[in-house]
N, C-alpha and C. Protein backbone atom coordinates (compact mmCIF):
# COMPACT_ATOMS: atom_id res chain seq x y z
N MET A 1 -12.01 16.19 -1.34
CA MET A 1 -12.74 15.11 -0.76
C MET A 1 -12.49 13.90 -1.96
N ARG A 2 -12.67 14.37 -3.07
CA ARG A 2 -12.32 13.51 -4.20
C ARG A 2 -11.07 12.73 -4.03
N PHE A 3 -9.92 13.43 -3.79
CA PHE A 3 -8.61 13.02 -3.70
C PHE A 3 -8.60 11.86 -2.53
N ILE A 4 -9.23 12.34 -1.42
CA ILE A 4 -9.28 11.18 -0.30
C ILE A 4 -9.86 9.79 -0.84
N SER A 5 -11.07 9.98 -1.36
CA SER A 5 -11.76 8.95 -1.97
C SER A 5 -10.86 8.03 -2.76
N GLU A 6 -10.24 8.60 -3.89
CA GLU A 6 -9.49 7.90 -4.80
C GLU A 6 -8.11 7.38 -4.15
N PHE A 7 -7.68 8.07 -3.23
CA PHE A 7 -6.46 7.56 -2.31
C PHE A 7 -6.84 6.27 -1.62
N LEU A 8 -8.07 6.22 -1.01
CA LEU A 8 -8.44 5.10 -0.25
C LEU A 8 -8.81 3.94 -1.08
N LYS A 9 -9.19 4.16 -2.41
CA LYS A 9 -9.50 3.17 -3.37
C LYS A 9 -8.02 2.55 -3.78
N MET A 10 -7.32 3.40 -4.05
CA MET A 10 -5.75 2.97 -4.51
C MET A 10 -5.05 2.34 -3.50
N PHE A 11 -5.06 2.83 -2.33
CA PHE A 11 -4.45 2.07 -1.13
C PHE A 11 -4.98 0.72 -1.13
N THR A 12 -6.37 0.66 -1.15
CA THR A 12 -6.73 -0.85 -1.10
C THR A 12 -6.21 -1.69 -2.11
N TYR A 13 -6.29 -1.34 -3.39
CA TYR A 13 -5.91 -2.00 -4.51
C TYR A 13 -4.34 -2.12 -4.44
N ILE A 14 -3.74 -1.30 -4.22
CA ILE A 14 -2.18 -1.42 -4.31
C ILE A 14 -1.69 -2.28 -2.88
N THR A 15 -2.23 -2.06 -1.86
CA THR A 15 -1.76 -2.83 -0.66
C THR A 15 -2.08 -4.39 -0.82
N THR A 16 -3.16 -4.49 -1.53
CA THR A 16 -3.75 -6.06 -1.60
C THR A 16 -2.75 -6.62 -2.75
N GLY A 17 -2.48 -5.97 -3.71
CA GLY A 17 -1.57 -6.51 -4.65
C GLY A 17 -0.31 -6.67 -4.23
N THR A 18 0.21 -5.57 -3.47
CA THR A 18 1.62 -5.76 -2.90
C THR A 18 1.52 -6.91 -1.89
N ALA A 19 0.63 -7.27 -1.19
CA ALA A 19 0.68 -8.38 -0.26
C ALA A 19 0.70 -9.67 -1.03
N ILE A 20 -0.05 -9.83 -2.17
CA ILE A 20 -0.21 -10.88 -2.92
C ILE A 20 1.25 -11.15 -3.55
N ALA A 21 1.93 -10.01 -4.29
CA ALA A 21 3.21 -10.11 -4.90
C ALA A 21 4.27 -10.44 -3.90
N PHE A 22 4.16 -9.81 -2.64
CA PHE A 22 5.06 -10.29 -1.70
C PHE A 22 5.22 -11.57 -1.33
N ALA A 23 3.92 -12.28 -1.10
CA ALA A 23 3.75 -13.57 -0.84
C ALA A 23 4.40 -14.48 -1.83
N ALA A 24 4.08 -14.22 -3.16
CA ALA A 24 4.61 -14.79 -4.21
C ALA A 24 6.23 -14.79 -4.45
N TYR A 25 6.61 -13.55 -4.19
CA TYR A 25 8.11 -13.36 -4.24
C TYR A 25 8.70 -13.97 -3.22
N THR A 26 8.31 -14.21 -2.03
CA THR A 26 9.02 -14.98 -1.01
C THR A 26 8.89 -16.32 -1.16
N LEU A 27 7.91 -17.07 -1.80
CA LEU A 27 7.97 -18.29 -2.26
C LEU A 27 8.78 -18.59 -3.34
N ILE A 28 8.82 -17.65 -4.35
CA ILE A 28 9.77 -17.95 -5.35
C ILE A 28 11.23 -17.92 -5.04
N VAL A 29 11.46 -16.91 -4.26
CA VAL A 29 13.00 -16.66 -3.57
C VAL A 29 13.31 -17.94 -2.77
N GLY A 30 12.36 -18.42 -2.17
CA GLY A 30 12.67 -19.60 -1.24
C GLY A 30 12.72 -19.41 0.20
N TYR A 31 12.37 -18.28 0.54
CA TYR A 31 12.26 -17.88 2.06
C TYR A 31 11.26 -18.70 2.87
N ASP A 32 11.64 -19.37 3.85
CA ASP A 32 10.79 -20.34 4.55
C ASP A 32 10.17 -19.63 5.71
N VAL A 33 10.83 -18.51 6.23
CA VAL A 33 10.28 -17.57 7.25
C VAL A 33 10.66 -16.27 6.85
N VAL A 34 9.55 -15.34 7.17
CA VAL A 34 9.49 -14.06 6.85
C VAL A 34 9.37 -13.27 8.18
N ALA A 35 10.07 -12.21 8.35
CA ALA A 35 9.88 -11.39 9.65
C ALA A 35 8.59 -10.56 9.67
N VAL A 36 8.08 -10.55 10.83
CA VAL A 36 6.95 -9.66 10.79
C VAL A 36 7.02 -8.35 10.46
N SER A 37 8.39 -7.75 10.64
CA SER A 37 8.62 -6.36 10.44
C SER A 37 8.60 -6.14 8.69
N SER A 38 9.06 -7.19 8.01
CA SER A 38 8.83 -7.00 6.67
C SER A 38 7.41 -7.03 6.07
N VAL A 39 6.46 -7.69 6.78
CA VAL A 39 5.17 -7.73 6.42
C VAL A 39 4.66 -6.43 6.83
N ALA A 40 4.85 -5.95 7.82
CA ALA A 40 4.36 -4.74 8.32
C ALA A 40 4.66 -3.64 7.48
N LYS A 41 5.62 -3.77 6.66
CA LYS A 41 5.93 -2.45 5.85
C LYS A 41 5.11 -2.62 4.57
N ILE A 42 4.22 -3.47 4.33
CA ILE A 42 3.43 -3.52 3.15
C ILE A 42 2.44 -2.40 3.23
N PRO A 43 1.97 -1.91 4.41
CA PRO A 43 1.09 -0.92 4.17
C PRO A 43 1.84 0.49 4.16
N ILE A 44 2.86 0.64 4.43
CA ILE A 44 3.73 1.85 4.16
C ILE A 44 3.87 1.98 2.79
N VAL A 45 4.37 0.89 2.00
CA VAL A 45 4.40 0.87 0.50
C VAL A 45 3.04 1.28 0.04
N GLY A 46 2.15 0.72 0.42
CA GLY A 46 0.66 1.21 -0.07
C GLY A 46 0.41 2.57 0.07
N ILE A 47 0.82 3.16 1.26
CA ILE A 47 0.36 4.67 1.42
C ILE A 47 1.43 5.43 0.41
N ILE A 48 2.68 5.11 0.34
CA ILE A 48 3.57 5.81 -0.46
C ILE A 48 3.04 5.82 -1.90
N MET A 49 2.89 4.61 -2.40
CA MET A 49 2.42 4.43 -3.90
C MET A 49 1.04 4.86 -4.10
N SER A 50 0.18 4.81 -3.18
CA SER A 50 -1.16 5.57 -3.46
C SER A 50 -1.14 6.95 -3.46
N LEU A 51 -0.47 7.59 -2.75
CA LEU A 51 -0.20 8.94 -2.60
C LEU A 51 0.26 9.45 -4.04
N VAL A 52 1.41 8.66 -4.46
CA VAL A 52 2.03 8.95 -5.82
C VAL A 52 0.98 8.73 -6.94
N THR A 53 0.41 7.71 -6.86
CA THR A 53 -0.61 7.31 -7.91
C THR A 53 -1.89 8.45 -8.01
N THR A 54 -2.27 8.60 -6.90
CA THR A 54 -3.61 9.39 -6.72
C THR A 54 -3.04 10.78 -7.30
N ALA A 55 -1.96 11.35 -6.79
CA ALA A 55 -1.60 12.68 -7.05
C ALA A 55 -1.20 12.82 -8.70
N THR A 56 -0.72 11.72 -9.42
CA THR A 56 -0.18 11.90 -10.85
C THR A 56 -1.44 11.32 -11.82
N LEU A 57 -2.16 10.45 -11.32
CA LEU A 57 -3.20 10.21 -12.43
C LEU A 57 -4.59 10.48 -12.20
N GLN A 58 -4.67 11.44 -11.25
CA GLN A 58 -6.20 12.03 -10.96
C GLN A 58 -6.37 13.18 -12.00
N HIS A 59 -5.62 13.46 -12.86
CA HIS A 59 -5.90 14.60 -13.89
C HIS A 59 -6.75 13.98 -15.12
N ASP A 60 -7.61 15.11 -15.65
CA ASP A 60 -8.31 14.74 -16.93
C ASP A 60 -7.39 14.88 -18.07
N TYR A 61 -6.88 13.86 -18.68
CA TYR A 61 -6.06 13.95 -19.71
C TYR A 61 -6.77 14.27 -21.16
N SER A 62 -6.49 15.31 -21.73
CA SER A 62 -7.10 15.71 -22.95
C SER A 62 -6.94 14.61 -24.13
N THR A 63 -5.95 13.74 -24.29
CA THR A 63 -5.77 12.79 -25.32
C THR A 63 -5.46 11.40 -24.77
N ASN A 64 -5.90 10.39 -25.44
CA ASN A 64 -5.23 9.07 -25.09
C ASN A 64 -3.77 9.07 -25.01
N LYS A 65 -3.03 9.81 -25.98
CA LYS A 65 -1.71 9.80 -26.04
C LYS A 65 -1.13 10.36 -24.75
N ALA A 66 -1.82 11.43 -24.21
CA ALA A 66 -1.18 11.92 -22.97
C ALA A 66 -1.65 11.09 -21.87
N MET A 67 -2.70 10.45 -21.96
CA MET A 67 -2.90 9.34 -20.76
C MET A 67 -1.94 8.17 -20.80
N ILE A 68 -1.70 7.70 -21.83
CA ILE A 68 -0.75 6.55 -22.06
C ILE A 68 0.74 7.15 -21.68
N LEU A 69 1.15 8.34 -22.10
CA LEU A 69 2.41 8.80 -21.58
C LEU A 69 2.35 8.87 -19.86
N ALA A 70 1.29 9.22 -19.45
CA ALA A 70 1.16 9.52 -18.03
C ALA A 70 1.52 8.24 -17.30
N LEU A 71 0.58 7.20 -17.84
CA LEU A 71 0.72 5.71 -17.27
C LEU A 71 2.19 5.06 -17.51
N VAL A 72 2.75 5.30 -18.50
CA VAL A 72 4.18 4.92 -18.74
C VAL A 72 5.02 5.46 -17.78
N CYS A 73 5.01 6.72 -17.62
CA CYS A 73 5.90 7.54 -16.80
C CYS A 73 5.66 7.14 -15.23
N HIS A 74 4.40 6.99 -14.98
CA HIS A 74 4.28 6.46 -13.70
C HIS A 74 4.72 5.10 -13.36
N TYR A 75 4.51 4.20 -14.40
CA TYR A 75 4.90 2.89 -14.21
C TYR A 75 6.47 2.87 -13.93
N VAL A 76 7.25 3.44 -14.66
CA VAL A 76 8.65 3.65 -14.58
C VAL A 76 9.02 4.37 -13.29
N PHE A 77 8.31 5.34 -12.94
CA PHE A 77 8.64 5.77 -11.51
C PHE A 77 8.21 4.82 -10.29
N VAL A 78 7.16 4.20 -10.53
CA VAL A 78 6.78 3.28 -9.39
C VAL A 78 7.67 2.15 -9.35
N SER A 79 8.16 1.66 -10.50
CA SER A 79 9.24 0.60 -10.64
C SER A 79 10.47 0.99 -9.82
N PHE A 80 11.01 2.08 -10.27
CA PHE A 80 12.31 2.69 -9.56
C PHE A 80 11.91 2.71 -7.97
N ALA A 81 10.97 3.22 -7.57
CA ALA A 81 10.55 3.61 -6.19
C ALA A 81 10.40 2.22 -5.67
N MET A 82 9.79 1.15 -6.14
CA MET A 82 9.74 -0.02 -5.54
C MET A 82 10.93 -0.71 -5.47
N VAL A 83 11.81 -0.85 -6.41
CA VAL A 83 13.06 -1.46 -6.28
C VAL A 83 14.00 -0.75 -4.99
N GLY A 84 13.72 0.63 -5.06
CA GLY A 84 14.52 1.42 -4.04
C GLY A 84 13.98 0.85 -2.56
N LEU A 85 12.76 0.93 -2.44
CA LEU A 85 11.91 0.55 -1.19
C LEU A 85 12.35 -0.86 -0.73
N GLY A 86 12.26 -1.72 -1.84
CA GLY A 86 12.66 -3.01 -1.65
C GLY A 86 14.08 -3.41 -1.10
N ILE A 87 14.90 -2.59 -1.63
CA ILE A 87 16.27 -2.65 -0.99
C ILE A 87 16.29 -1.98 0.28
N LEU A 88 15.55 -0.74 0.52
CA LEU A 88 15.74 -0.37 1.89
C LEU A 88 15.13 -1.17 3.00
N PHE A 89 13.94 -1.77 2.56
CA PHE A 89 13.23 -2.63 3.52
C PHE A 89 13.85 -4.20 3.64
N GLU A 90 14.81 -4.31 2.75
CA GLU A 90 15.60 -5.53 2.87
C GLU A 90 14.63 -6.73 2.31
N TRP A 91 13.70 -6.36 1.17
CA TRP A 91 13.09 -7.33 0.48
C TRP A 91 13.61 -7.98 -0.50
N VAL A 92 14.70 -7.18 -1.14
CA VAL A 92 15.41 -7.64 -2.28
C VAL A 92 16.96 -7.30 -1.94
N ARG A 93 17.87 -8.08 -2.34
CA ARG A 93 19.24 -7.80 -2.41
C ARG A 93 19.50 -7.10 -3.75
N PRO A 94 20.57 -6.18 -3.73
CA PRO A 94 20.86 -5.53 -4.93
C PRO A 94 21.68 -6.29 -6.19
N VAL A 95 20.91 -7.41 -6.27
CA VAL A 95 21.65 -8.19 -7.44
C VAL A 95 20.61 -8.25 -8.52
N PRO A 96 20.99 -8.46 -9.80
CA PRO A 96 20.14 -8.44 -10.99
C PRO A 96 18.90 -9.44 -11.13
N GLN A 97 19.18 -10.65 -10.59
CA GLN A 97 17.99 -11.59 -10.45
C GLN A 97 16.89 -11.19 -9.65
N GLU A 98 17.25 -10.60 -8.39
CA GLU A 98 16.25 -10.14 -7.52
C GLU A 98 15.49 -8.88 -7.91
N ILE A 99 16.46 -8.06 -8.59
CA ILE A 99 15.68 -6.70 -9.12
C ILE A 99 14.82 -6.96 -10.11
N VAL A 100 15.16 -8.04 -11.17
CA VAL A 100 14.14 -8.32 -12.12
C VAL A 100 13.06 -8.82 -11.68
N LEU A 101 13.08 -9.81 -10.68
CA LEU A 101 12.06 -10.21 -9.88
C LEU A 101 11.06 -9.33 -9.37
N MET A 102 11.68 -8.22 -8.68
CA MET A 102 10.97 -7.20 -8.05
C MET A 102 10.10 -6.42 -9.35
N LEU A 103 10.80 -6.28 -10.21
CA LEU A 103 10.09 -5.46 -11.60
C LEU A 103 8.89 -6.33 -11.89
N VAL A 104 8.94 -7.71 -12.04
CA VAL A 104 8.01 -8.57 -12.41
C VAL A 104 6.65 -8.41 -11.31
N CYS A 105 7.16 -8.43 -10.15
CA CYS A 105 6.10 -8.06 -8.99
C CYS A 105 5.43 -6.71 -9.01
N VAL A 106 6.26 -5.74 -9.46
CA VAL A 106 5.58 -4.44 -9.59
C VAL A 106 4.69 -4.38 -10.82
N ALA A 107 5.09 -5.21 -11.85
CA ALA A 107 4.04 -5.30 -13.00
C ALA A 107 2.92 -5.94 -12.55
N PHE A 108 2.90 -6.94 -12.00
CA PHE A 108 1.84 -7.69 -11.30
C PHE A 108 0.78 -6.88 -10.56
N VAL A 109 1.46 -6.11 -9.62
CA VAL A 109 0.60 -5.19 -8.77
C VAL A 109 -0.10 -3.98 -9.75
N TYR A 110 0.77 -3.79 -10.58
CA TYR A 110 0.19 -2.52 -11.54
C TYR A 110 -0.93 -3.20 -12.34
N VAL A 111 -0.96 -4.39 -12.89
CA VAL A 111 -2.07 -4.89 -13.69
C VAL A 111 -3.12 -5.15 -12.63
N PHE A 112 -3.00 -5.88 -11.57
CA PHE A 112 -3.79 -6.25 -10.60
C PHE A 112 -4.77 -4.94 -10.33
N SER A 113 -4.08 -3.79 -9.72
CA SER A 113 -4.65 -2.58 -9.51
C SER A 113 -5.39 -2.13 -10.67
N PHE A 114 -4.81 -1.98 -11.90
CA PHE A 114 -5.56 -1.53 -13.03
C PHE A 114 -6.87 -2.18 -13.25
N ILE A 115 -6.94 -3.68 -13.01
CA ILE A 115 -8.09 -4.31 -13.27
C ILE A 115 -8.87 -4.14 -12.21
N MET A 116 -8.69 -4.05 -10.96
CA MET A 116 -9.48 -3.77 -10.09
C MET A 116 -10.15 -2.25 -10.00
N PHE A 117 -9.25 -1.46 -10.42
CA PHE A 117 -9.72 0.02 -10.58
C PHE A 117 -10.87 -0.03 -11.76
N SER A 118 -10.77 -0.71 -12.77
CA SER A 118 -11.37 -0.72 -14.07
C SER A 118 -12.87 -1.47 -13.71
N ILE A 119 -12.81 -2.43 -12.87
CA ILE A 119 -14.05 -3.18 -12.48
C ILE A 119 -14.79 -2.29 -11.51
N ALA A 120 -14.50 -1.61 -10.50
CA ALA A 120 -14.90 -0.44 -9.73
C ALA A 120 -15.58 0.57 -10.67
N LEU A 121 -14.66 1.03 -11.59
CA LEU A 121 -15.18 2.37 -12.49
C LEU A 121 -16.34 1.82 -13.26
N LYS A 122 -16.23 0.68 -13.66
CA LYS A 122 -17.48 0.10 -14.61
C LYS A 122 -18.62 0.03 -13.68
N LYS A 123 -18.53 -0.47 -12.50
CA LYS A 123 -19.59 -0.54 -11.61
C LYS A 123 -20.29 0.70 -11.26
N GLU A 124 -19.30 1.72 -11.01
CA GLU A 124 -19.71 3.10 -10.61
C GLU A 124 -20.54 3.61 -11.83
N ALA A 125 -20.00 3.57 -13.08
CA ALA A 125 -20.68 3.97 -14.21
C ALA A 125 -22.00 3.46 -14.65
N LYS A 126 -22.19 2.10 -14.24
CA LYS A 126 -23.46 1.45 -14.39
C LYS A 126 -24.53 2.02 -13.46
N GLN A 127 -24.07 2.43 -12.11
CA GLN A 127 -24.80 2.99 -11.13
C GLN A 127 -25.36 4.24 -11.50
N ILE A 128 -24.28 5.05 -12.06
CA ILE A 128 -24.62 6.49 -12.51
C ILE A 128 -25.73 6.43 -13.54
N ASN A 129 -25.53 5.53 -14.63
CA ASN A 129 -26.46 5.47 -15.65
C ASN A 129 -27.86 4.95 -15.36
N THR A 130 -27.97 4.05 -14.42
CA THR A 130 -29.11 3.73 -13.81
C THR A 130 -29.90 4.92 -13.15
N ALA A 131 -29.19 5.60 -12.38
CA ALA A 131 -29.74 6.70 -11.68
C ALA A 131 -30.32 7.69 -12.59
N LEU A 132 -29.51 7.93 -13.68
CA LEU A 132 -29.88 9.03 -14.74
C LEU A 132 -31.09 8.49 -15.64
N LYS A 133 -31.13 7.23 -15.77
CA LYS A 133 -32.28 6.79 -16.57
C LYS A 133 -33.60 6.78 -15.63
N GLU A 134 -33.51 6.61 -14.26
CA GLU A 134 -34.52 6.77 -13.27
C GLU A 134 -35.11 8.05 -13.37
N ARG A 135 -34.10 9.16 -13.35
CA ARG A 135 -34.51 10.52 -13.22
C ARG A 135 -35.16 11.08 -14.55
N LEU A 136 -34.75 10.41 -15.70
CA LEU A 136 -35.38 10.72 -16.91
C LEU A 136 -36.89 10.09 -17.08
N GLU A 137 -36.90 8.91 -16.49
CA GLU A 137 -38.20 8.40 -16.46
C GLU A 137 -39.30 9.18 -15.51
N LEU A 138 -38.68 9.81 -14.35
CA LEU A 138 -39.63 10.42 -13.50
C LEU A 138 -39.94 11.73 -14.16
N LYS A 139 -39.12 12.24 -14.93
CA LYS A 139 -39.38 13.77 -15.50
C LYS A 139 -40.53 13.56 -16.54
N LYS A 140 -40.55 12.42 -17.24
CA LYS A 140 -41.60 12.30 -18.24
C LYS A 140 -43.00 12.29 -17.66
N TYR A 141 -43.25 11.84 -16.40
CA TYR A 141 -44.51 11.89 -15.88
C TYR A 141 -44.73 13.09 -14.94
């Protein structure tokens, strides 16, 4: 059940970030018109990347070093996957400038998702702490 919950959170963050990055990318590249089929592929990317993210980052890492290594490996994998999907979905042409721009978009989505996840995690931790304090207060009486 936790996997599904984490997947849905990641899907929301990643798909939202991808939509924003896609919009910015199309403006930067100079597309006046974008095919509906291109926009419709954003949720597909969200599903694929959310599955990968949830499966790889849902572990309890024993050290900060292990967590950082996992994040770096995940980012590299996601970058390659997104460039591949971008070429497959015809979002980018296989030329260096567009690939670099795609990698910048991946970094944006990665940072955006991380910030959104951190905000949600902080809120969840605050709710848990409040509930625990309330229980402690009830036990005193």
